[in-house]
Amino acid sequence: MIMDLVVPFYNPQPGWEQKFVNRYNQFISDYFNGDKESIHVIVVNDGSENRFTEKEVTFLKENI
């Protein structure tokens, strides 16, 4: 692993998880030659009251 990526979210907009995965995959492709093992992703619920449920967390786990 080369780095930890800590990403806080506070009441994210609808569809945030898909946008995050798309941007993350592009970042990995551009800077790490597609090697997802180079980065440890830490997504933080920064006090959200909505749109940060187990559904979104599961989607992230399955796609990152």
PDB file of N, CA and C in Angstrom:
ATOM      1  N   MET A   1       0.845  -1.167   0.000  1.00  0.00           N
ATOM      2  CA  MET A   1       0.000   0.000   0.000  1.00  0.00           C
ATOM      3  C   MET A   1       0.898   1.241   0.000  1.00  0.00           C
ATOM      4  N   ILE A   2       0.519   2.206  -0.826  1.00  0.00           N
ATOM      5  CA  ILE A   2       1.277   3.438  -0.940  1.00  0.00           C
ATOM      6  C   ILE A   2       0.684   4.552  -0.086  1.00  0.00           C
ATOM      7  N   MET A   3      -0.644   4.614  -0.010  1.00  0.00           N
ATOM      8  CA  MET A   3      -1.244   5.716   0.732  1.00  0.00           C
ATOM      9  C   MET A   3      -2.622   5.369   1.265  1.00  0.00           C
ATOM     10  N   ASP A   4      -3.031   6.116   2.286  1.00  0.00           N
ATOM     11  CA  ASP A   4      -4.398   6.073   2.806  1.00  0.00           C
ATOM     12  C   ASP A   4      -5.137   7.277   2.238  1.00  0.00           C
ATOM     13  N   LEU A   5      -6.351   7.051   1.786  1.00  0.00           N
ATOM     14  CA  LEU A   5      -7.198   8.113   1.271  1.00  0.00           C
ATOM     15  C   LEU A   5      -8.395   8.233   2.199  1.00  0.00           C
ATOM     16  N   VAL A   6      -8.471   9.339   2.948  1.00  0.00           N
ATOM     17  CA  VAL A   6      -9.560   9.564   3.888  1.00  0.00           C
ATOM     18  C   VAL A   6     -10.519  10.561   3.248  1.00  0.00           C
ATOM     19  N   VAL A   7     -11.797  10.144   3.106  1.00  0.00           N
ATOM     20  CA  VAL A   7     -12.792  10.973   2.429  1.00  0.00           C
ATOM     21  C   VAL A   7     -13.991  11.162   3.347  1.00  0.00           C
ATOM     22  N   PRO A   8     -14.150  12.376   3.920  1.00  0.00           N
ATOM     23  CA  PRO A   8     -15.312  12.644   4.757  1.00  0.00           C
ATOM     24  C   PRO A   8     -16.521  13.047   3.904  1.00  0.00           C
ATOM     25  N   PHE A   9     -17.685  12.583   4.296  1.00  0.00           N
ATOM     26  CA  PHE A   9     -18.933  12.973   3.636  1.00  0.00           C
ATOM     27  C   PHE A   9     -19.902  13.479   4.703  1.00  0.00           C
ATOM     28  N   TYR A  10     -20.553  14.585   4.396  1.00  0.00           N
ATOM     29  CA  TYR A  10     -21.584  15.126   5.272  1.00  0.00           C
ATOM     30  C   TYR A  10     -22.828  15.384   4.437  1.00  0.00           C
ATOM     31  N   ASN A  11     -23.888  14.647   4.726  1.00  0.00           N
ATOM     32  CA  ASN A  11     -25.144  14.751   3.977  1.00  0.00           C
ATOM     33  C   ASN A  11     -24.907  14.842   2.470  1.00  0.00           C
ATOM     34  N   PRO A  12     -24.301  13.800   1.898  1.00  0.00           N
ATOM     35  CA  PRO A  12     -23.978  13.840   0.470  1.00  0.00           C
ATOM     36  C   PRO A  12     -25.226  13.874  -0.406  1.00  0.00           C
ATOM     37  N   GLN A  13     -25.041  14.336  -1.623  1.00  0.00           N
ATOM     38  CA  GLN A  13     -26.122  14.425  -2.594  1.00  0.00           C
ATOM     39  C   GLN A  13     -26.538  13.021  -3.049  1.00  0.00           C
ATOM     40  N   PRO A  14     -27.762  12.857  -3.553  1.00  0.00           N
ATOM     41  CA  PRO A  14     -28.192  11.555  -4.071  1.00  0.00           C
ATOM     42  C   PRO A  14     -27.240  11.072  -5.165  1.00  0.00           C
ATOM     43  N   GLY A  15     -26.936   9.798  -5.123  1.00  0.00           N
ATOM     44  CA  GLY A  15     -26.046   9.199  -6.115  1.00  0.00           C
ATOM     45  C   GLY A  15     -24.571   9.421  -5.843  1.00  0.00           C
ATOM     46  N   TRP A  16     -24.242   9.930  -4.663  1.00  0.00           N
ATOM     47  CA  TRP A  16     -22.847  10.235  -4.342  1.00  0.00           C
ATOM     48  C   TRP A  16     -21.950   9.017  -4.441  1.00  0.00           C
ATOM     49  N   GLU A  17     -22.482   7.852  -4.073  1.00  0.00           N
ATOM     50  CA  GLU A  17     -21.647   6.649  -4.051  1.00  0.00           C
ATOM     51  C   GLU A  17     -21.206   6.252  -5.459  1.00  0.00           C
ATOM     52  N   GLN A  18     -22.078   6.380  -6.454  1.00  0.00           N
ATOM     53  CA  GLN A  18     -21.695   6.069  -7.837  1.00  0.00           C
ATOM     54  C   GLN A  18     -20.663   7.072  -8.345  1.00  0.00           C
ATOM     55  N   LYS A  19     -20.864   8.353  -8.041  1.00  0.00           N
ATOM     56  CA  LYS A  19     -19.917   9.379  -8.471  1.00  0.00           C
ATOM     57  C   LYS A  19     -18.553   9.147  -7.829  1.00  0.00           C
ATOM     58  N   PHE A  20     -18.558   8.790  -6.548  1.00  0.00           N
ATOM     59  CA  PHE A  20     -17.295   8.548  -5.863  1.00  0.00           C
ATOM     60  C   PHE A  20     -16.550   7.368  -6.485  1.00  0.00           C
ATOM     61  N   VAL A  21     -17.257   6.284  -6.739  1.00  0.00           N
ATOM     62  CA  VAL A  21     -16.622   5.106  -7.335  1.00  0.00           C
ATOM     63  C   VAL A  21     -16.060   5.443  -8.711  1.00  0.00           C
ATOM     64  N   ASN A  22     -16.804   6.180  -9.522  1.00  0.00           N
ATOM     65  CA  ASN A  22     -16.317   6.558 -10.855  1.00  0.00           C
ATOM     66  C   ASN A  22     -15.047   7.396 -10.762  1.00  0.00           C
ATOM     67  N   ARG A  23     -15.050   8.382  -9.881  1.00  0.00           N
ATOM     68  CA  ARG A  23     -13.871   9.241  -9.727  1.00  0.00           C
ATOM     69  C   ARG A  23     -12.697   8.480  -9.132  1.00  0.00           C
ATOM     70  N   TYR A  24     -12.979   7.607  -8.185  1.00  0.00           N
ATOM     71  CA  TYR A  24     -11.929   6.789  -7.585  1.00  0.00           C
ATOM     72  C   TYR A  24     -11.279   5.897  -8.635  1.00  0.00           C
ATOM     73  N   ASN A  25     -12.101   5.235  -9.434  1.00  0.00           N
ATOM     74  CA  ASN A  25     -11.559   4.353 -10.476  1.00  0.00           C
ATOM     75  C   ASN A  25     -10.724   5.123 -11.493  1.00  0.00           C
ATOM     76  N   GLN A  26     -11.147   6.327 -11.844  1.00  0.00           N
ATOM     77  CA  GLN A  26     -10.369   7.149 -12.762  1.00  0.00           C
ATOM     78  C   GLN A  26      -9.039   7.555 -12.129  1.00  0.00           C
ATOM     79  N   PHE A  27      -9.063   7.917 -10.852  1.00  0.00           N
ATOM     80  CA  PHE A  27      -7.860   8.271 -10.110  1.00  0.00           C
ATOM     81  C   PHE A  27      -6.875   7.105 -10.074  1.00  0.00           C
ATOM     82  N   ILE A  28      -7.375   5.920  -9.769  1.00  0.00           N
ATOM     83  CA  ILE A  28      -6.533   4.718  -9.722  1.00  0.00           C
ATOM     84  C   ILE A  28      -5.926   4.440 -11.098  1.00  0.00           C
ATOM     85  N   SER A  29      -6.732   4.586 -12.115  1.00  0.00           N
ATOM     86  CA  SER A  29      -6.258   4.358 -13.477  1.00  0.00           C
ATOM     87  C   SER A  29      -5.179   5.367 -13.874  1.00  0.00           C
ATOM     88  N   ASP A  30      -5.413   6.630 -13.572  1.00  0.00           N
ATOM     89  CA  ASP A  30      -4.488   7.694 -13.969  1.00  0.00           C
ATOM     90  C   ASP A  30      -3.168   7.680 -13.212  1.00  0.00           C
ATOM     91  N   TYR A  31      -3.212   7.403 -11.917  1.00  0.00           N
ATOM     92  CA  TYR A  31      -2.023   7.576 -11.091  1.00  0.00           C
ATOM     93  C   TYR A  31      -1.402   6.294 -10.545  1.00  0.00           C
ATOM     94  N   PHE A  32      -2.137   5.184 -10.595  1.00  0.00           N
ATOM     95  CA  PHE A  32      -1.621   3.942 -10.021  1.00  0.00           C
ATOM     96  C   PHE A  32      -1.727   2.766 -10.982  1.00  0.00           C
ATOM     97  N   ASN A  33      -1.859   3.061 -12.265  1.00  0.00           N
ATOM     98  CA  ASN A  33      -1.938   2.021 -13.298  1.00  0.00           C
ATOM     99  C   ASN A  33      -2.991   0.963 -12.982  1.00  0.00           C
ATOM    100  N   GLY A  34      -4.086   1.381 -12.375  1.00  0.00           N
ATOM    101  CA  GLY A  34      -5.186   0.475 -12.080  1.00  0.00           C
ATOM    102  C   GLY A  34      -4.990  -0.414 -10.867  1.00  0.00           C
ATOM    103  N   ASP A  35      -3.894  -0.228 -10.133  1.00  0.00           N
ATOM    104  CA  ASP A  35      -3.594  -1.066  -8.971  1.00  0.00           C
ATOM    105  C   ASP A  35      -4.358  -0.578  -7.742  1.00  0.00           C
ATOM    106  N   LYS A  36      -5.515  -1.175  -7.489  1.00  0.00           N
ATOM    107  CA  LYS A  36      -6.355  -0.772  -6.355  1.00  0.00           C
ATOM    108  C   LYS A  36      -5.754  -1.155  -5.007  1.00  0.00           C
ATOM    109  N   GLU A  37      -4.768  -2.029  -5.009  1.00  0.00           N
ATOM    110  CA  GLU A  37      -4.119  -2.431  -3.758  1.00  0.00           C
ATOM    111  C   GLU A  37      -3.168  -1.350  -3.247  1.00  0.00           C
ATOM    112  N   SER A  38      -2.909  -0.325  -4.056  1.00  0.00           N
ATOM    113  CA  SER A  38      -1.986   0.740  -3.668  1.00  0.00           C
ATOM    114  C   SER A  38      -2.598   1.727  -2.689  1.00  0.00           C
ATOM    115  N   ILE A  39      -3.919   1.758  -2.616  1.00  0.00           N
ATOM    116  CA  ILE A  39      -4.590   2.754  -1.788  1.00  0.00           C
ATOM    117  C   ILE A  39      -5.558   2.080  -0.822  1.00  0.00           C
ATOM    118  N   HIS A  40      -5.512   2.532   0.408  1.00  0.00           N
ATOM    119  CA  HIS A  40      -6.466   2.103   1.430  1.00  0.00           C
ATOM    120  C   HIS A  40      -7.471   3.233   1.563  1.00  0.00           C
ATOM    121  N   VAL A  41      -8.729   2.988   1.217  1.00  0.00           N
ATOM    122  CA  VAL A  41      -9.765   4.010   1.230  1.00  0.00           C
ATOM    123  C   VAL A  41     -10.509   3.973   2.562  1.00  0.00           C
ATOM    124  N   ILE A  42     -10.628   5.141   3.183  1.00  0.00           N
ATOM    125  CA  ILE A  42     -11.367   5.283   4.432  1.00  0.00           C
ATOM    126  C   ILE A  42     -12.457   6.324   4.182  1.00  0.00           C
ATOM    127  N   VAL A  43     -13.702   5.879   4.140  1.00  0.00           N
ATOM    128  CA  VAL A  43     -14.835   6.779   3.935  1.00  0.00           C
ATOM    129  C   VAL A  43     -15.447   7.054   5.299  1.00  0.00           C
ATOM    130  N   VAL A  44     -15.593   8.335   5.626  1.00  0.00           N
ATOM    131  CA  VAL A  44     -16.049   8.745   6.945  1.00  0.00           C
ATOM    132  C   VAL A  44     -17.416   9.400   6.844  1.00  0.00           C
ATOM    133  N   ASN A  45     -18.352   8.906   7.636  1.00  0.00           N
ATOM    134  CA  ASN A  45     -19.639   9.571   7.785  1.00  0.00           C
ATOM    135  C   ASN A  45     -19.422  10.698   8.783  1.00  0.00           C
ATOM    136  N   ASP A  46     -19.409  11.914   8.279  1.00  0.00           N
ATOM    137  CA  ASP A  46     -19.076  13.074   9.093  1.00  0.00           C
ATOM    138  C   ASP A  46     -20.324  13.705   9.710  1.00  0.00           C
ATOM    139  N   GLY A  47     -21.177  12.853  10.314  1.00  0.00           N
ATOM    140  CA  GLY A  47     -22.377  13.334  10.983  1.00  0.00           C
ATOM    141  C   GLY A  47     -23.604  13.415  10.093  1.00  0.00           C
ATOM    142  N   SER A  48     -23.579  12.708   8.980  1.00  0.00           N
ATOM    143  CA  SER A  48     -24.711  12.751   8.051  1.00  0.00           C
ATOM    144  C   SER A  48     -25.984  12.241   8.700  1.00  0.00           C
ATOM    145  N   GLU A  49     -27.073  12.874   8.318  1.00  0.00           N
ATOM    146  CA  GLU A  49     -28.384  12.432   8.776  1.00  0.00           C
ATOM    147  C   GLU A  49     -29.163  11.742   7.665  1.00  0.00           C
ATOM    148  N   ASN A  50     -28.640  11.779   6.444  1.00  0.00           N
ATOM    149  CA  ASN A  50     -29.326  11.113   5.327  1.00  0.00           C
ATOM    150  C   ASN A  50     -28.324  10.689   4.254  1.00  0.00           C
ATOM    151  N   ARG A  51     -28.765   9.753   3.414  1.00  0.00           N
ATOM    152  CA  ARG A  51     -28.023   9.249   2.263  1.00  0.00           C
ATOM    153  C   ARG A  51     -26.667   8.633   2.603  1.00  0.00           C
ATOM    154  N   PHE A  52     -26.495   8.195   3.806  1.00  0.00           N
ATOM    155  CA  PHE A  52     -25.285   7.482   4.197  1.00  0.00           C
ATOM    156  C   PHE A  52     -25.733   6.267   4.992  1.00  0.00           C
ATOM    157  N   THR A  53     -26.229   5.272   4.263  1.00  0.00           N
ATOM    158  CA  THR A  53     -26.792   4.086   4.894  1.00  0.00           C
ATOM    159  C   THR A  53     -25.950   2.861   4.543  1.00  0.00           C
ATOM    160  N   GLU A  54     -26.343   1.729   5.072  1.00  0.00           N
ATOM    161  CA  GLU A  54     -25.649   0.478   4.770  1.00  0.00           C
ATOM    162  C   GLU A  54     -25.696   0.176   3.269  1.00  0.00           C
ATOM    163  N   LYS A  55     -26.760   0.610   2.601  1.00  0.00           N
ATOM    164  CA  LYS A  55     -26.878   0.401   1.149  1.00  0.00           C
ATOM    165  C   LYS A  55     -25.706   1.050   0.412  1.00  0.00           C
ATOM    166  N   GLU A  56     -25.404   2.305   0.726  1.00  0.00           N
ATOM    167  CA  GLU A  56     -24.297   3.001   0.072  1.00  0.00           C
ATOM    168  C   GLU A  56     -22.949   2.399   0.464  1.00  0.00           C
ATOM    169  N   VAL A  57     -22.799   2.048   1.728  1.00  0.00           N
ATOM    170  CA  VAL A  57     -21.549   1.454   2.196  1.00  0.00           C
ATOM    171  C   VAL A  57     -21.306   0.113   1.497  1.00  0.00           C
ATOM    172  N   THR A  58     -22.345  -0.694   1.360  1.00  0.00           N
ATOM    173  CA  THR A  58     -22.208  -1.974   0.659  1.00  0.00           C
ATOM    174  C   THR A  58     -21.821  -1.751  -0.790  1.00  0.00           C
ATOM    175  N   PHE A  59     -22.426  -0.771  -1.449  1.00  0.00           N
ATOM    176  CA  PHE A  59     -22.089  -0.460  -2.833  1.00  0.00           C
ATOM    177  C   PHE A  59     -20.590  -0.108  -2.940  1.00  0.00           C
ATOM    178  N   LEU A  60     -20.088   0.721  -2.013  1.00  0.00           N
ATOM    179  CA  LEU A  60     -18.680   1.083  -2.034  1.00  0.00           C
ATOM    180  C   LEU A  60     -17.790  -0.138  -1.851  1.00  0.00           C
ATOM    181  N   LYS A  61     -18.123  -0.986  -0.893  1.00  0.00           N
ATOM    182  CA  LYS A  61     -17.331  -2.187  -0.638  1.00  0.00           C
ATOM    183  C   LYS A  61     -17.277  -3.098  -1.847  1.00  0.00           C
ATOM    184  N   GLU A  62     -18.376  -3.196  -2.571  1.00  0.00           N
ATOM    185  CA  GLU A  62     -18.436  -4.076  -3.728  1.00  0.00           C
ATOM    186  C   GLU A  62     -17.720  -3.500  -4.955  1.00  0.00           C
ATOM    187  N   ASN A  63     -17.557  -2.189  -5.002  1.00  0.00           N
ATOM    188  CA  ASN A  63     -17.044  -1.560  -6.224  1.00  0.00           C
ATOM    189  C   ASN A  63     -15.677  -0.907  -6.086  1.00  0.00           C
ATOM    190  N   ILE A  64     -15.124  -0.930  -4.894  1.00  0.00           N
ATOM    191  CA  ILE A  64     -13.779  -0.383  -4.700  1.00  0.00           C
ATOM    192  C   ILE A  64     -12.842  -1.525  -4.363  1.00  0.00           C
TER     193      ILE A  64
END
